[in-house]
């Protein structure tokens, strides 16, 4: 599993919690981005540096798309407090199955590479073991 964490402050609990969840989802996408980029660069870096660089750029650019595609989630931990000005601060932790996050990344990266007209997705599949 990948654990995402997020904290946000808002005028009401719901707004703060929704913002914290979105931040946690981006955190999860960021964790996956680091791992996918590392695997890609290690696997392809020595052989085909241009391909590895191109895939790494697409992986980085895809983080926000992946975070949005992770869908709705219920936090496994949610803490909140009321600030002096009555704003609510919410801290959440979410869990995502690592394989499903990687699969989402794979789909987004393929789409982005195809938009660019590059046929690097075969090399991505090989690098990530898909």
C-alpha atoms as a PDB file:
ATOM      1  CA  UNK A   1       0.000   0.000   0.000  1.00  0.00           C
ATOM      2  CA  UNK A   2       0.920   3.626  -0.466  1.00  0.00           C
ATOM      3  CA  UNK A   3      -0.006   5.930   2.399  1.00  0.00           C
ATOM      4  CA  UNK A   4      -1.030   9.469   1.557  1.00  0.00           C
ATOM      5  CA  UNK A   5      -1.269  12.263   4.061  1.00  0.00           C
ATOM      6  CA  UNK A   6      -2.868  15.639   3.813  1.00  0.00           C
ATOM      7  CA  UNK A   7      -3.729  18.598   5.999  1.00  0.00           C
ATOM      8  CA  UNK A   8      -5.953  21.538   5.189  1.00  0.00           C
ATOM      9  CA  UNK A   9      -7.778  24.355   6.932  1.00  0.00           C
ATOM     10  CA  UNK A  10     -11.163  25.693   5.888  1.00  0.00           C
ATOM     11  CA  UNK A  11     -14.207  27.552   7.094  1.00  0.00           C
ATOM     12  CA  UNK A  12     -16.037  24.280   7.702  1.00  0.00           C
ATOM     13  CA  UNK A  13     -15.116  20.666   8.342  1.00  0.00           C
ATOM     14  CA  UNK A  14     -16.289  19.297   4.980  1.00  0.00           C
ATOM     15  CA  UNK A  15     -14.295  21.789   2.927  1.00  0.00           C
ATOM     16  CA  UNK A  16     -11.177  21.209   4.993  1.00  0.00           C
ATOM     17  CA  UNK A  17     -11.553  17.424   4.816  1.00  0.00           C
ATOM     18  CA  UNK A  18     -12.083  17.434   1.038  1.00  0.00           C
ATOM     19  CA  UNK A  19      -9.006  19.591   0.557  1.00  0.00           C
ATOM     20  CA  UNK A  20      -6.950  17.361   2.858  1.00  0.00           C
ATOM     21  CA  UNK A  21      -8.032  14.261   0.915  1.00  0.00           C
ATOM     22  CA  UNK A  22      -7.026  15.879  -2.399  1.00  0.00           C
ATOM     23  CA  UNK A  23      -3.627  16.731  -0.920  1.00  0.00           C
ATOM     24  CA  UNK A  24      -3.264  13.135   0.298  1.00  0.00           C
ATOM     25  CA  UNK A  25      -4.109  11.798  -3.172  1.00  0.00           C
ATOM     26  CA  UNK A  26      -1.450  14.041  -4.710  1.00  0.00           C
ATOM     27  CA  UNK A  27       0.991  12.761  -2.095  1.00  0.00           C
ATOM     28  CA  UNK A  28       0.231   9.163  -3.142  1.00  0.00           C
ATOM     29  CA  UNK A  29       0.695  10.071  -6.811  1.00  0.00           C
ATOM     30  CA  UNK A  30       4.001  11.709  -5.899  1.00  0.00           C
ATOM     31  CA  UNK A  31       5.223   8.586  -4.108  1.00  0.00           C
ATOM     32  CA  UNK A  32       4.362   6.469  -7.125  1.00  0.00           C
ATOM     33  CA  UNK A  33       5.985   9.025  -9.445  1.00  0.00           C
ATOM     34  CA  UNK A  34       9.280   8.755  -7.581  1.00  0.00           C
ATOM     35  CA  UNK A  35       9.251   4.970  -7.684  1.00  0.00           C
ATOM     36  CA  UNK A  36       8.235   4.732 -11.358  1.00  0.00           C
ATOM     37  CA  UNK A  37      10.811   7.319 -12.413  1.00  0.00           C
ATOM     38  CA  UNK A  38      13.544   5.524 -10.478  1.00  0.00           C
ATOM     39  CA  UNK A  39      12.657   2.131 -11.950  1.00  0.00           C
ATOM     40  CA  UNK A  40      12.433   3.582 -15.462  1.00  0.00           C
ATOM     41  CA  UNK A  41      15.745   5.402 -15.239  1.00  0.00           C
ATOM     42  CA  UNK A  42      17.513   2.382 -13.746  1.00  0.00           C
ATOM     43  CA  UNK A  43      16.129  -0.008 -16.341  1.00  0.00           C
ATOM     44  CA  UNK A  44      16.359   2.156 -19.437  1.00  0.00           C
ATOM     45  CA  UNK A  45      18.938   4.713 -18.371  1.00  0.00           C
ATOM     46  CA  UNK A  46      22.044   2.791 -19.338  1.00  0.00           C
ATOM     47  CA  UNK A  47      20.712   1.584 -22.669  1.00  0.00           C
ATOM     48  CA  UNK A  48      18.483   4.312 -24.005  1.00  0.00           C
ATOM     49  CA  UNK A  49      18.962   7.573 -22.155  1.00  0.00           C
ATOM     50  CA  UNK A  50      16.712   9.575 -24.515  1.00  0.00           C
ATOM     51  CA  UNK A  51      13.841   7.113 -23.999  1.00  0.00           C
ATOM     52  CA  UNK A  52      14.308   7.076 -20.240  1.00  0.00           C
ATOM     53  CA  UNK A  53      14.368  10.877 -20.132  1.00  0.00           C
ATOM     54  CA  UNK A  54      11.253  11.166 -22.283  1.00  0.00           C
ATOM     55  CA  UNK A  55       9.333   8.644 -20.155  1.00  0.00           C
ATOM     56  CA  UNK A  56      10.498  10.334 -16.930  1.00  0.00           C
ATOM     57  CA  UNK A  57       9.237  13.696 -18.208  1.00  0.00           C
ATOM     58  CA  UNK A  58       5.833  12.193 -19.009  1.00  0.00           C
ATOM     59  CA  UNK A  59       5.676  10.477 -15.592  1.00  0.00           C
ATOM     60  CA  UNK A  60       6.355  13.795 -13.850  1.00  0.00           C
ATOM     61  CA  UNK A  61       3.826  15.652 -15.980  1.00  0.00           C
ATOM     62  CA  UNK A  62       1.190  12.976 -15.293  1.00  0.00           C
ATOM     63  CA  UNK A  63       1.148  13.287 -11.493  1.00  0.00           C
ATOM     64  CA  UNK A  64      -1.861  15.619 -11.310  1.00  0.00           C
ATOM     65  CA  UNK A  65      -3.857  13.543 -13.804  1.00  0.00           C
ATOM     66  CA  UNK A  66      -3.151  10.397 -11.792  1.00  0.00           C
ATOM     67  CA  UNK A  67      -4.160  12.096  -8.541  1.00  0.00           C
ATOM     68  CA  UNK A  68      -7.509  13.068 -10.076  1.00  0.00           C
ATOM     69  CA  UNK A  69      -8.095   9.541 -11.395  1.00  0.00           C
ATOM     70  CA  UNK A  70      -7.523   7.912  -8.022  1.00  0.00           C
ATOM     71  CA  UNK A  71     -11.177   8.567  -7.305  1.00  0.00           C
ATOM     72  CA  UNK A  72     -13.070   8.867  -4.071  1.00  0.00           C
ATOM     73  CA  UNK A  73     -11.552   7.490  -0.922  1.00  0.00           C
ATOM     74  CA  UNK A  74     -12.487   7.266   2.696  1.00  0.00           C
ATOM     75  CA  UNK A  75      -9.641   8.294   4.988  1.00  0.00           C
ATOM     76  CA  UNK A  76      -8.353   5.605   7.333  1.00  0.00           C
ATOM     77  CA  UNK A  77      -7.420   8.334   9.824  1.00  0.00           C
ATOM     78  CA  UNK A  78      -9.067  11.728  10.138  1.00  0.00           C
ATOM     79  CA  UNK A  79      -8.276  14.222  12.876  1.00  0.00           C
ATOM     80  CA  UNK A  80      -9.644  17.708  13.214  1.00  0.00           C
ATOM     81  CA  UNK A  81      -9.452  20.728  15.453  1.00  0.00           C
ATOM     82  CA  UNK A  82     -11.166  24.080  15.608  1.00  0.00           C
ATOM     83  CA  UNK A  83      -8.851  27.074  15.366  1.00  0.00           C
ATOM     84  CA  UNK A  84      -9.278  30.270  17.396  1.00  0.00           C
ATOM     85  CA  UNK A  85     -10.972  31.971  14.443  1.00  0.00           C
ATOM     86  CA  UNK A  86     -13.437  29.021  14.149  1.00  0.00           C
ATOM     87  CA  UNK A  87     -11.733  27.605  11.019  1.00  0.00           C
ATOM     88  CA  UNK A  88     -11.406  23.834  10.972  1.00  0.00           C
ATOM     89  CA  UNK A  89      -8.074  22.088  10.410  1.00  0.00           C
ATOM     90  CA  UNK A  90      -8.276  18.486   9.212  1.00  0.00           C
ATOM     91  CA  UNK A  91      -5.480  15.925   8.909  1.00  0.00           C
ATOM     92  CA  UNK A  92      -6.135  12.707   6.981  1.00  0.00           C
ATOM     93  CA  UNK A  93      -4.318   9.511   6.038  1.00  0.00           C
ATOM     94  CA  UNK A  94      -5.447   7.452   3.057  1.00  0.00           C
ATOM     95  CA  UNK A  95      -4.339   4.057   1.754  1.00  0.00           C
ATOM     96  CA  UNK A  96      -4.119   3.023  -1.884  1.00  0.00           C
ATOM     97  CA  UNK A  97      -3.178  -0.314  -3.317  1.00  0.00           C
ATOM     98  CA  UNK A  98       0.240   0.215  -4.892  1.00  0.00           C
ATOM     99  CA  UNK A  99      -0.546  -1.961  -7.917  1.00  0.00           C
ATOM    100  CA  UNK A 100      -3.722  -0.035  -8.749  1.00  0.00           C
ATOM    101  CA  UNK A 101      -1.855   3.282  -8.488  1.00  0.00           C
ATOM    102  CA  UNK A 102       0.851   1.935 -10.806  1.00  0.00           C
ATOM    103  CA  UNK A 103      -1.812   0.702 -13.217  1.00  0.00           C
ATOM    104  CA  UNK A 104      -3.403   4.159 -13.246  1.00  0.00           C
ATOM    105  CA  UNK A 105       0.004   5.703 -13.932  1.00  0.00           C
ATOM    106  CA  UNK A 106       0.589   3.201 -16.725  1.00  0.00           C
ATOM    107  CA  UNK A 107      -2.696   4.148 -18.419  1.00  0.00           C
ATOM    108  CA  UNK A 108      -2.040   7.879 -18.134  1.00  0.00           C
ATOM    109  CA  UNK A 109       1.562   7.581 -19.350  1.00  0.00           C
ATOM    110  CA  UNK A 110       0.478   5.522 -22.355  1.00  0.00           C
ATOM    111  CA  UNK A 111      -2.149   8.112 -23.255  1.00  0.00           C
ATOM    112  CA  UNK A 112       0.350  10.955 -22.919  1.00  0.00           C
ATOM    113  CA  UNK A 113       3.040   9.155 -24.947  1.00  0.00           C
ATOM    114  CA  UNK A 114       0.517   8.374 -27.680  1.00  0.00           C
ATOM    115  CA  UNK A 115      -0.522  12.049 -27.761  1.00  0.00           C
ATOM    116  CA  UNK A 116       3.120  12.931 -28.296  1.00  0.00           C
ATOM    117  CA  UNK A 117       3.280  10.336 -31.055  1.00  0.00           C
ATOM    118  CA  UNK A 118       5.949   8.346 -29.254  1.00  0.00           C
ATOM    119  CA  UNK A 119       5.865   4.575 -29.125  1.00  0.00           C
ATOM    120  CA  UNK A 120       7.782   4.318 -25.876  1.00  0.00           C
ATOM    121  CA  UNK A 121       5.028   2.512 -23.967  1.00  0.00           C
ATOM    122  CA  UNK A 122       6.544  -0.896 -24.878  1.00  0.00           C
ATOM    123  CA  UNK A 123       9.765   0.178 -23.181  1.00  0.00           C
ATOM    124  CA  UNK A 124       7.767   1.466 -20.209  1.00  0.00           C
ATOM    125  CA  UNK A 125       5.982  -1.892 -19.920  1.00  0.00           C
ATOM    126  CA  UNK A 126       9.317  -3.695 -20.002  1.00  0.00           C
ATOM    127  CA  UNK A 127      10.878  -1.367 -17.428  1.00  0.00           C
ATOM    128  CA  UNK A 128       7.978  -1.662 -14.994  1.00  0.00           C
ATOM    129  CA  UNK A 129       7.410  -5.359 -15.557  1.00  0.00           C
ATOM    130  CA  UNK A 130       3.873  -4.991 -16.933  1.00  0.00           C
END
